[in-house]
Amino acid sequence: MAEVDYGTLKKGGFMRQVQKDRFSLRLRVIGGHLTADKIAKIREIAEKYGHGYIHLTSRQGVEIPFVPLEHIETIKTELATVGLQPGACGPRVRTVTACQGAAICPSGLIETSGIAQELDARYFGRELPHKFKIGITGCKNNCLKAEENDLGIKGGLFPTWQSGACTYCGLCAAVCPAGVITVDQDTPTLSFDEQGCVSCGKCVKSCPADAWQGKRGYLLSFGGMFGNEIKPGLRLLPILFEKDQVFKAADATLAFFAAQARPGERLGKTLTRVGPETLQKQLEEAVG
């Protein structure tokens, strides 16, 4: 009998179980989106080759446990009939996660599913010194917890104030979570600290006079971890307003990680060791 290459199987999404010659198959689910025909095929495979159930991971993944070693190639062929593929494990770019974003959610500030597909197509499975996770969330509600990822992308809205339309009601100041808006109704005057703005867009949404307007964009974080060590990602760039800038920043981040990280070292630890300003400089040059 040929020797089993467990490393290659894990790389291809088949993770070894404690049970002999049984594997949990992790599927490539991009942005948490699955069509009905794919779900039907997953059910069919789970019933035919597994134990009739699936496991939903914390990163929107679908796993089919108890897959026998001898059926792995057959299962891959059956998955392909509906466009499904195994996921990725180990030191490489993992499947991109995303919330439903502006296309579905009233709070969403950016479209998420499309950018998840584009990022996955560009980077999925790329070999790196350690695993690399990308998460996209549509707004400051942060359902996808962007800062837990090596590269987090969050929808933001940078506000501008139109003094001529303002009634100085003070509602914007009341809802601002960063406390960067101050309204004096007696004067009347309004002050806005742009540097402290967190781009949540609450002032724009709450203004009854439409005195606050805003431009939607992308807030990026770098080097987040949430596992054996917890480390929130760092904001190294201002809000970006063009999707192309996001891709340029992602390219620069992966190039930095590949060049600077030691084997088995996550991006967050690399930034601690070499200094975040090194990546920040490369990011600023990349996005222009």
C-alpha atoms as a PDB file:
ATOM      1  CA  MET A   1       0.000   0.000   0.000  1.00  0.00           C
ATOM      2  CA  ALA A   2       1.330   3.437  -0.954  1.00  0.00           C
ATOM      3  CA  GLU A   3       2.294   5.739   1.892  1.00  0.00           C
ATOM      4  CA  VAL A   4      -0.325   8.415   2.598  1.00  0.00           C
ATOM      5  CA  ASP A   5       0.902  12.007   2.167  1.00  0.00           C
ATOM      6  CA  TYR A   6      -1.025  13.633   4.987  1.00  0.00           C
ATOM      7  CA  GLY A   7       0.658  17.005   4.402  1.00  0.00           C
ATOM      8  CA  THR A   8      -0.621  17.202   0.838  1.00  0.00           C
ATOM      9  CA  LEU A   9      -4.096  16.100   1.913  1.00  0.00           C
ATOM     10  CA  LYS A  10      -4.218  18.815   4.583  1.00  0.00           C
ATOM     11  CA  LYS A  11      -3.001  21.402   2.102  1.00  0.00           C
ATOM     12  CA  GLY A  12      -5.921  20.421  -0.106  1.00  0.00           C
ATOM     13  CA  GLY A  13      -8.556  20.747   2.616  1.00  0.00           C
ATOM     14  CA  PHE A  14      -8.679  17.149   3.924  1.00  0.00           C
ATOM     15  CA  MET A  15      -7.824  17.297   7.627  1.00  0.00           C
ATOM     16  CA  ARG A  16      -6.881  14.115   9.427  1.00  0.00           C
ATOM     17  CA  GLN A  17      -9.226  13.001  12.215  1.00  0.00           C
ATOM     18  CA  VAL A  18      -8.428  11.005  15.326  1.00  0.00           C
ATOM     19  CA  GLN A  19     -10.245   8.098  13.684  1.00  0.00           C
ATOM     20  CA  LYS A  20      -7.983   6.011  11.433  1.00  0.00           C
ATOM     21  CA  ASP A  21      -8.183   6.898   7.706  1.00  0.00           C
ATOM     22  CA  ARG A  22     -10.978   9.380   8.271  1.00  0.00           C
ATOM     23  CA  PHE A  23     -10.807  13.035   7.236  1.00  0.00           C
ATOM     24  CA  SER A  24     -12.832  16.186   7.764  1.00  0.00           C
ATOM     25  CA  LEU A  25     -13.210  17.864   4.380  1.00  0.00           C
ATOM     26  CA  ARG A  26     -13.111  21.667   4.503  1.00  0.00           C
ATOM     27  CA  LEU A  27     -14.844  23.306   1.544  1.00  0.00           C
ATOM     28  CA  ARG A  28     -13.971  26.538  -0.213  1.00  0.00           C
ATOM     29  CA  VAL A  29     -16.875  28.838   0.704  1.00  0.00           C
ATOM     30  CA  ILE A  30     -16.131  32.379  -0.489  1.00  0.00           C
ATOM     31  CA  GLY A  31     -17.679  35.177   1.514  1.00  0.00           C
ATOM     32  CA  GLY A  32     -20.096  32.794   3.236  1.00  0.00           C
ATOM     33  CA  HIS A  33     -22.084  32.463  -0.004  1.00  0.00           C
ATOM     34  CA  LEU A  34     -23.467  29.103  -1.169  1.00  0.00           C
ATOM     35  CA  THR A  35     -26.093  28.488  -3.832  1.00  0.00           C
ATOM     36  CA  ALA A  36     -28.888  25.973  -3.229  1.00  0.00           C
ATOM     37  CA  ASP A  37     -27.459  23.408  -5.661  1.00  0.00           C
ATOM     38  CA  LYS A  38     -24.132  23.467  -3.828  1.00  0.00           C
ATOM     39  CA  ILE A  39     -25.875  22.957  -0.488  1.00  0.00           C
ATOM     40  CA  ALA A  40     -27.760  19.998  -1.949  1.00  0.00           C
ATOM     41  CA  LYS A  41     -24.506  18.437  -3.172  1.00  0.00           C
ATOM     42  CA  ILE A  42     -22.879  18.943   0.241  1.00  0.00           C
ATOM     43  CA  ARG A  43     -25.814  17.171   1.876  1.00  0.00           C
ATOM     44  CA  GLU A  44     -25.561  14.339  -0.647  1.00  0.00           C
ATOM     45  CA  ILE A  45     -21.849  13.814  -0.010  1.00  0.00           C
ATOM     46  CA  ALA A  46     -22.276  14.025   3.770  1.00  0.00           C
ATOM     47  CA  GLU A  47     -24.943  11.328   3.642  1.00  0.00           C
ATOM     48  CA  LYS A  48     -23.157   9.149   1.094  1.00  0.00           C
ATOM     49  CA  TYR A  49     -19.579   9.300   2.396  1.00  0.00           C
ATOM     50  CA  GLY A  50     -19.744  10.859   5.868  1.00  0.00           C
ATOM     51  CA  HIS A  51     -22.009  10.501   8.874  1.00  0.00           C
ATOM     52  CA  GLY A  52     -24.879  12.550   7.486  1.00  0.00           C
ATOM     53  CA  TYR A  53     -24.006  15.901   9.038  1.00  0.00           C
ATOM     54  CA  ILE A  54     -21.757  18.900   8.421  1.00  0.00           C
ATOM     55  CA  HIS A  55     -19.846  21.263  10.680  1.00  0.00           C
ATOM     56  CA  LEU A  56     -19.983  25.055  10.282  1.00  0.00           C
ATOM     57  CA  THR A  57     -16.670  26.632  11.261  1.00  0.00           C
ATOM     58  CA  SER A  58     -16.146  30.001  12.925  1.00  0.00           C
ATOM     59  CA  ARG A  59     -14.920  31.443   9.589  1.00  0.00           C
ATOM     60  CA  GLN A  60     -17.982  30.623   7.473  1.00  0.00           C
ATOM     61  CA  GLY A  61     -16.483  27.325   6.430  1.00  0.00           C
ATOM     62  CA  VAL A  62     -18.335  24.065   5.816  1.00  0.00           C
ATOM     63  CA  GLU A  63     -16.683  20.803   6.822  1.00  0.00           C
ATOM     64  CA  ILE A  64     -17.850  17.258   6.080  1.00  0.00           C
ATOM     65  CA  PRO A  65     -16.443  14.937   8.777  1.00  0.00           C
ATOM     66  CA  PHE A  66     -15.745  11.197   8.525  1.00  0.00           C
ATOM     67  CA  VAL A  67     -14.732  11.156   4.872  1.00  0.00           C
ATOM     68  CA  PRO A  68     -12.937   7.832   4.143  1.00  0.00           C
ATOM     69  CA  LEU A  69      -9.461   7.980   2.649  1.00  0.00           C
ATOM     70  CA  GLU A  70     -10.405   5.715  -0.240  1.00  0.00           C
ATOM     71  CA  HIS A  71     -13.186   8.039  -1.436  1.00  0.00           C
ATOM     72  CA  ILE A  72     -11.284  11.328  -1.464  1.00  0.00           C
ATOM     73  CA  GLU A  73     -10.693  11.517  -5.228  1.00  0.00           C
ATOM     74  CA  THR A  74     -14.271  10.487  -5.983  1.00  0.00           C
ATOM     75  CA  ILE A  75     -15.593  13.166  -3.655  1.00  0.00           C
ATOM     76  CA  LYS A  76     -13.454  15.850  -5.322  1.00  0.00           C
ATOM     77  CA  THR A  77     -14.891  14.824  -8.690  1.00  0.00           C
ATOM     78  CA  GLU A  78     -18.461  14.967  -7.392  1.00  0.00           C
ATOM     79  CA  LEU A  79     -17.893  18.378  -5.808  1.00  0.00           C
ATOM     80  CA  ALA A  80     -16.641  19.753  -9.112  1.00  0.00           C
ATOM     81  CA  THR A  81     -19.969  18.967 -10.816  1.00  0.00           C
ATOM     82  CA  VAL A  82     -21.528  21.959  -8.984  1.00  0.00           C
ATOM     83  CA  GLY A  83     -18.421  24.121  -8.869  1.00  0.00           C
ATOM     84  CA  LEU A  84     -17.367  23.218  -5.340  1.00  0.00           C
ATOM     85  CA  GLN A  85     -13.742  22.788  -4.323  1.00  0.00           C
ATOM     86  CA  PRO A  86     -11.917  21.786  -1.159  1.00  0.00           C
ATOM     87  CA  GLY A  87     -10.592  24.643   0.918  1.00  0.00           C
ATOM     88  CA  ALA A  88      -7.048  25.354   2.044  1.00  0.00           C
ATOM     89  CA  CYS A  89      -5.210  24.710   5.286  1.00  0.00           C
ATOM     90  CA  GLY A  90      -1.653  25.286   6.416  1.00  0.00           C
ATOM     91  CA  PRO A  91       0.732  28.181   5.552  1.00  0.00           C
ATOM     92  CA  ARG A  92      -1.158  29.837   2.717  1.00  0.00           C
ATOM     93  CA  VAL A  93      -3.950  32.309   1.996  1.00  0.00           C
ATOM     94  CA  ARG A  94      -7.234  30.941   3.320  1.00  0.00           C
ATOM     95  CA  THR A  95     -10.749  31.388   1.959  1.00  0.00           C
ATOM     96  CA  VAL A  96     -11.973  34.996   2.200  1.00  0.00           C
ATOM     97  CA  THR A  97     -14.853  35.631   4.610  1.00  0.00           C
ATOM     98  CA  ALA A  98     -17.469  38.383   4.290  1.00  0.00           C
ATOM     99  CA  CYS A  99     -20.778  39.607   5.642  1.00  0.00           C
ATOM    100  CA  GLN A 100     -23.658  40.386   3.258  1.00  0.00           C
ATOM    101  CA  GLY A 101     -22.702  44.047   2.946  1.00  0.00           C
ATOM    102  CA  ALA A 102     -24.547  46.894   1.265  1.00  0.00           C
ATOM    103  CA  ALA A 103     -26.324  44.629  -1.237  1.00  0.00           C
ATOM    104  CA  ILE A 104     -28.475  43.150   1.561  1.00  0.00           C
ATOM    105  CA  CYS A 105     -27.878  44.895   4.889  1.00  0.00           C
ATOM    106  CA  PRO A 106     -29.309  48.392   5.557  1.00  0.00           C
ATOM    107  CA  SER A 107     -26.213  49.196   7.635  1.00  0.00           C
ATOM    108  CA  GLY A 108     -23.795  48.141   4.905  1.00  0.00           C
ATOM    109  CA  LEU A 109     -21.536  50.840   3.497  1.00  0.00           C
ATOM    110  CA  ILE A 110     -19.627  48.764   0.943  1.00  0.00           C
ATOM    111  CA  GLU A 111     -20.369  45.834  -1.338  1.00  0.00           C
ATOM    112  CA  THR A 112     -18.685  42.769   0.148  1.00  0.00           C
ATOM    113  CA  SER A 113     -19.489  39.613  -1.835  1.00  0.00           C
ATOM    114  CA  GLY A 114     -17.951  40.792  -5.093  1.00  0.00           C
ATOM    115  CA  ILE A 115     -14.734  42.003  -3.513  1.00  0.00           C
ATOM    116  CA  ALA A 116     -14.500  38.711  -1.590  1.00  0.00           C
ATOM    117  CA  GLN A 117     -14.707  36.822  -4.882  1.00  0.00           C
ATOM    118  CA  GLU A 118     -12.050  39.046  -6.455  1.00  0.00           C
ATOM    119  CA  LEU A 119      -9.665  38.753  -3.522  1.00  0.00           C
ATOM    120  CA  ASP A 120     -10.159  34.988  -3.373  1.00  0.00           C
ATOM    121  CA  ALA A 121      -9.440  34.674  -7.098  1.00  0.00           C
ATOM    122  CA  ARG A 122      -6.237  36.705  -6.719  1.00  0.00           C
ATOM    123  CA  TYR A 123      -4.794  35.130  -3.591  1.00  0.00           C
ATOM    124  CA  PHE A 124      -6.475  31.867  -2.509  1.00  0.00           C
ATOM    125  CA  GLY A 125      -3.965  29.133  -1.737  1.00  0.00           C
ATOM    126  CA  ARG A 126      -0.876  31.308  -2.213  1.00  0.00           C
ATOM    127  CA  GLU A 127       2.061  29.823  -0.314  1.00  0.00           C
ATOM    128  CA  LEU A 128       3.313  32.017   2.540  1.00  0.00           C
ATOM    129  CA  PRO A 129       5.391  31.660   5.731  1.00  0.00           C
ATOM    130  CA  HIS A 130       2.192  31.068   7.728  1.00  0.00           C
ATOM    131  CA  LYS A 131      -1.570  31.163   7.264  1.00  0.00           C
ATOM    132  CA  PHE A 132      -3.086  34.411   6.052  1.00  0.00           C
ATOM    133  CA  LYS A 133      -6.726  35.314   6.656  1.00  0.00           C
ATOM    134  CA  ILE A 134      -8.775  38.010   4.936  1.00  0.00           C
ATOM    135  CA  GLY A 135     -12.124  39.192   6.285  1.00  0.00           C
ATOM    136  CA  ILE A 136     -14.523  41.803   4.909  1.00  0.00           C
ATOM    137  CA  THR A 137     -17.250  43.527   6.897  1.00  0.00           C
ATOM    138  CA  GLY A 138     -19.692  46.057   5.501  1.00  0.00           C
ATOM    139  CA  CYS A 139     -19.758  48.678   8.260  1.00  0.00           C
ATOM    140  CA  LYS A 140     -18.615  49.664  11.739  1.00  0.00           C
ATOM    141  CA  ASN A 141     -21.005  47.124  13.273  1.00  0.00           C
ATOM    142  CA  ASN A 142     -18.138  44.790  12.355  1.00  0.00           C
ATOM    143  CA  CYS A 143     -20.089  41.530  12.145  1.00  0.00           C
ATOM    144  CA  LEU A 144     -17.065  39.839  10.522  1.00  0.00           C
ATOM    145  CA  LYS A 145     -14.664  41.211  13.175  1.00  0.00           C
ATOM    146  CA  ALA A 146     -12.252  42.596  10.575  1.00  0.00           C
ATOM    147  CA  GLU A 147      -9.464  43.307  13.055  1.00  0.00           C
ATOM    148  CA  GLU A 148      -9.137  39.585  13.854  1.00  0.00           C
ATOM    149  CA  ASN A 149      -7.776  38.953  10.346  1.00  0.00           C
ATOM    150  CA  ASP A 150      -4.312  39.346   8.916  1.00  0.00           C
ATOM    151  CA  LEU A 151      -5.965  41.745   6.465  1.00  0.00           C
ATOM    152  CA  GLY A 152      -9.279  43.195   7.543  1.00  0.00           C
ATOM    153  CA  ILE A 153     -11.498  45.319   5.300  1.00  0.00           C
ATOM    154  CA  LYS A 154     -14.335  47.340   6.769  1.00  0.00           C
ATOM    155  CA  GLY A 155     -16.842  49.688   5.190  1.00  0.00           C
ATOM    156  CA  GLY A 156     -16.565  53.286   6.302  1.00  0.00           C
ATOM    157  CA  LEU A 157     -18.117  56.650   5.508  1.00  0.00           C
ATOM    158  CA  PHE A 158     -16.115  59.853   5.805  1.00  0.00           C
ATOM    159  CA  PRO A 159     -18.438  62.778   6.567  1.00  0.00           C
ATOM    160  CA  THR A 160     -18.459  66.392   5.407  1.00  0.00           C
ATOM    161  CA  TRP A 161     -20.570  69.122   6.986  1.00  0.00           C
ATOM    162  CA  GLN A 162     -22.625  71.685   5.051  1.00  0.00           C
ATOM    163  CA  SER A 163     -23.058  74.691   7.338  1.00  0.00           C
ATOM    164  CA  GLY A 164     -25.830  76.296   5.268  1.00  0.00           C
ATOM    165  CA  ALA A 165     -28.174  73.354   5.776  1.00  0.00           C
ATOM    166  CA  CYS A 166     -27.451  72.795   9.473  1.00  0.00           C
ATOM    167  CA  THR A 167     -30.129  73.547  12.113  1.00  0.00           C
ATOM    168  CA  TYR A 168     -27.665  72.939  14.988  1.00  0.00           C
ATOM    169  CA  CYS A 169     -30.028  70.479  16.610  1.00  0.00           C
ATOM    170  CA  GLY A 170     -27.122  68.580  18.153  1.00  0.00           C
ATOM    171  CA  LEU A 171     -28.269  65.118  17.108  1.00  0.00           C
ATOM    172  CA  CYS A 172     -25.012  64.399  15.259  1.00  0.00           C
ATOM    173  CA  ALA A 173     -22.989  65.170  18.372  1.00  0.00           C
ATOM    174  CA  ALA A 174     -25.258  62.957  20.459  1.00  0.00           C
ATOM    175  CA  VAL A 175     -24.798  59.887  18.229  1.00  0.00           C
ATOM    176  CA  CYS A 176     -21.074  60.314  17.457  1.00  0.00           C
ATOM    177  CA  PRO A 177     -19.282  57.398  19.193  1.00  0.00           C
ATOM    178  CA  ALA A 178     -15.895  59.113  18.980  1.00  0.00           C
ATOM    179  CA  GLY A 179     -17.070  62.406  20.469  1.00  0.00           C
ATOM    180  CA  VAL A 180     -15.462  64.444  17.696  1.00  0.00           C
ATOM    181  CA  ILE A 181     -18.515  66.612  16.955  1.00  0.00           C
ATOM    182  CA  THR A 182     -19.425  69.482  19.267  1.00  0.00           C
ATOM    183  CA  VAL A 183     -22.511  71.651  18.802  1.00  0.00           C
ATOM    184  CA  ASP A 184     -23.255  74.904  20.629  1.00  0.00           C
ATOM    185  CA  GLN A 185     -26.902  75.725  19.997  1.00  0.00           C
ATOM    186  CA  ASP A 186     -26.677  79.179  21.558  1.00  0.00           C
ATOM    187  CA  THR A 187     -23.944  80.533  19.269  1.00  0.00           C
ATOM    188  CA  PRO A 188     -24.782  78.530  17.057  1.00  0.00           C
ATOM    189  CA  THR A 189     -21.554  76.763  16.067  1.00  0.00           C
ATOM    190  CA  LEU A 190     -20.377  73.262  15.189  1.00  0.00           C
ATOM    191  CA  SER A 191     -16.856  71.866  15.399  1.00  0.00           C
ATOM    192  CA  PHE A 192     -15.660  68.622  13.848  1.00  0.00           C
ATOM    193  CA  ASP A 193     -12.309  66.929  14.566  1.00  0.00           C
ATOM    194  CA  GLU A 194     -11.615  65.064  11.307  1.00  0.00           C
ATOM    195  CA  GLN A 195      -8.504  63.367  12.692  1.00  0.00           C
ATOM    196  CA  GLY A 196     -10.494  61.607  15.401  1.00  0.00           C
ATOM    197  CA  CYS A 197     -13.358  60.522  13.126  1.00  0.00           C
ATOM    198  CA  VAL A 198     -13.876  56.745  12.964  1.00  0.00           C
ATOM    199  CA  SER A 199     -15.881  56.918   9.692  1.00  0.00           C
ATOM    200  CA  CYS A 200     -18.930  55.167  11.097  1.00  0.00           C
ATOM    201  CA  GLY A 201     -21.377  57.432   9.227  1.00  0.00           C
ATOM    202  CA  LYS A 202     -23.791  57.812  12.147  1.00  0.00           C
ATOM    203  CA  CYS A 203     -23.791  61.605  11.834  1.00  0.00           C
ATOM    204  CA  VAL A 204     -24.821  61.331   8.179  1.00  0.00           C
ATOM    205  CA  LYS A 205     -27.576  58.816   8.851  1.00  0.00           C
ATOM    206  CA  SER A 206     -29.014  60.724  11.817  1.00  0.00           C
ATOM    207  CA  CYS A 207     -29.030  64.273  10.415  1.00  0.00           C
ATOM    208  CA  PRO A 208     -32.648  65.401   9.811  1.00  0.00           C
ATOM    209  CA  ALA A 209     -31.521  68.350   7.646  1.00  0.00           C
ATOM    210  CA  ASP A 210     -29.047  66.452   5.431  1.00  0.00           C
ATOM    211  CA  ALA A 211     -26.344  68.863   6.564  1.00  0.00           C
ATOM    212  CA  TRP A 212     -23.957  65.939   6.845  1.00  0.00           C
ATOM    213  CA  GLN A 213     -22.933  64.215   3.625  1.00  0.00           C
ATOM    214  CA  GLY A 214     -20.431  61.385   3.264  1.00  0.00           C
ATOM    215  CA  LYS A 215     -18.196  59.445   0.936  1.00  0.00           C
ATOM    216  CA  ARG A 216     -18.064  55.668   1.326  1.00  0.00           C
ATOM    217  CA  GLY A 217     -14.750  53.858   1.445  1.00  0.00           C
ATOM    218  CA  TYR A 218     -12.626  51.076   2.888  1.00  0.00           C
ATOM    219  CA  LEU A 219     -10.968  50.940   6.314  1.00  0.00           C
ATOM    220  CA  LEU A 220      -8.089  48.448   6.373  1.00  0.00           C
ATOM    221  CA  SER A 221      -6.422  46.751   9.331  1.00  0.00           C
ATOM    222  CA  PHE A 222      -3.247  44.697   9.296  1.00  0.00           C
ATOM    223  CA  GLY A 223      -1.828  41.889  11.415  1.00  0.00           C
ATOM    224  CA  GLY A 224      -4.829  40.787  13.438  1.00  0.00           C
ATOM    225  CA  MET A 225      -4.888  37.418  15.225  1.00  0.00           C
ATOM    226  CA  PHE A 226      -7.481  35.597  17.289  1.00  0.00           C
ATOM    227  CA  GLY A 227      -6.207  32.208  18.366  1.00  0.00           C
ATOM    228  CA  ASN A 228      -3.404  31.157  20.676  1.00  0.00           C
ATOM    229  CA  GLU A 229      -2.581  34.839  20.816  1.00  0.00           C
ATOM    230  CA  ILE A 230      -5.083  37.689  20.519  1.00  0.00           C
ATOM    231  CA  LYS A 231      -3.920  40.800  18.706  1.00  0.00           C
ATOM    232  CA  PRO A 232      -6.163  43.346  16.941  1.00  0.00           C
ATOM    233  CA  GLY A 233      -5.077  44.528  13.520  1.00  0.00           C
ATOM    234  CA  LEU A 234      -3.456  47.931  13.103  1.00  0.00           C
ATOM    235  CA  ARG A 235      -4.780  50.869  11.101  1.00  0.00           C
ATOM    236  CA  LEU A 236      -1.819  51.879   8.936  1.00  0.00           C
ATOM    237  CA  LEU A 237      -3.686  53.794   6.224  1.00  0.00           C
ATOM    238  CA  PRO A 238      -6.423  56.431   6.105  1.00  0.00           C
ATOM    239  CA  ILE A 239      -9.759  55.490   4.610  1.00  0.00           C
ATOM    240  CA  LEU A 240      -9.416  54.403   0.968  1.00  0.00           C
ATOM    241  CA  PHE A 241     -12.084  55.423  -1.532  1.00  0.00           C
ATOM    242  CA  GLU A 242     -11.175  53.284  -4.545  1.00  0.00           C
ATOM    243  CA  LYS A 243     -11.422  49.488  -4.714  1.00  0.00           C
ATOM    244  CA  ASP A 244      -8.252  49.392  -6.790  1.00  0.00           C
ATOM    245  CA  GLN A 245      -6.404  50.889  -3.827  1.00  0.00           C
ATOM    246  CA  VAL A 246      -7.558  47.964  -1.684  1.00  0.00           C
ATOM    247  CA  PHE A 247      -6.033  45.488  -4.138  1.00  0.00           C
ATOM    248  CA  LYS A 248      -2.788  47.481  -4.236  1.00  0.00           C
ATOM    249  CA  ALA A 249      -2.659  47.457  -0.447  1.00  0.00           C
ATOM    250  CA  ALA A 250      -3.332  43.701  -0.389  1.00  0.00           C
ATOM    251  CA  ASP A 251      -0.572  43.087  -2.948  1.00  0.00           C
ATOM    252  CA  ALA A 252       1.874  45.125  -0.870  1.00  0.00           C
ATOM    253  CA  THR A 253       0.886  43.338   2.340  1.00  0.00           C
ATOM    254  CA  LEU A 254       1.361  39.853   0.910  1.00  0.00           C
ATOM    255  CA  ALA A 255       4.685  40.839  -0.660  1.00  0.00           C
ATOM    256  CA  PHE A 256       5.850  42.255   2.685  1.00  0.00           C
ATOM    257  CA  PHE A 257       4.743  39.130   4.549  1.00  0.00           C
ATOM    258  CA  ALA A 258       6.436  36.791   2.097  1.00  0.00           C
ATOM    259  CA  ALA A 259       9.698  38.739   2.298  1.00  0.00           C
ATOM    260  CA  GLN A 260       9.832  39.587   6.004  1.00  0.00           C
ATOM    261  CA  ALA A 261       8.095  36.801   7.940  1.00  0.00           C
ATOM    262  CA  ARG A 262       9.897  33.852   9.424  1.00  0.00           C
ATOM    263  CA  PRO A 263       8.452  30.364   8.843  1.00  0.00           C
ATOM    264  CA  GLY A 264       5.522  29.808  11.181  1.00  0.00           C
ATOM    265  CA  GLU A 265       5.192  33.521  12.015  1.00  0.00           C
ATOM    266  CA  ARG A 266       1.885  35.339  11.566  1.00  0.00           C
ATOM    267  CA  LEU A 267       1.832  38.825  10.070  1.00  0.00           C
ATOM    268  CA  GLY A 268       1.023  40.402  13.441  1.00  0.00           C
ATOM    269  CA  LYS A 269       4.174  38.965  14.979  1.00  0.00           C
ATOM    270  CA  THR A 270       6.222  40.040  11.970  1.00  0.00           C
ATOM    271  CA  LEU A 271       4.970  43.602  12.431  1.00  0.00           C
ATOM    272  CA  THR A 272       5.928  43.488  16.112  1.00  0.00           C
ATOM    273  CA  ARG A 273       9.407  42.226  15.260  1.00  0.00           C
ATOM    274  CA  VAL A 274      10.314  44.509  12.332  1.00  0.00           C
ATOM    275  CA  GLY A 275       8.054  47.442  13.154  1.00  0.00           C
ATOM    276  CA  PRO A 276       4.700  48.378  11.570  1.00  0.00           C
ATOM    277  CA  GLU A 277       6.217  51.512  10.030  1.00  0.00           C
ATOM    278  CA  THR A 278       8.076  49.293   7.543  1.00  0.00           C
ATOM    279  CA  LEU A 279       4.822  47.941   6.137  1.00  0.00           C
ATOM    280  CA  GLN A 280       3.143  51.328   6.453  1.00  0.00           C
ATOM    281  CA  LYS A 281       5.727  52.918   4.163  1.00  0.00           C
ATOM    282  CA  GLN A 282       5.246  50.212   1.544  1.00  0.00           C
ATOM    283  CA  LEU A 283       1.465  50.567   1.766  1.00  0.00           C
ATOM    284  CA  GLU A 284       1.592  54.341   1.316  1.00  0.00           C
ATOM    285  CA  GLU A 285       3.804  53.926  -1.743  1.00  0.00           C
ATOM    286  CA  ALA A 286       1.488  51.262  -3.177  1.00  0.00           C
ATOM    287  CA  VAL A 287      -1.816  53.102  -2.836  1.00  0.00           C
ATOM    288  CA  GLY A 288      -0.411  56.488  -3.897  1.00  0.00           C
END
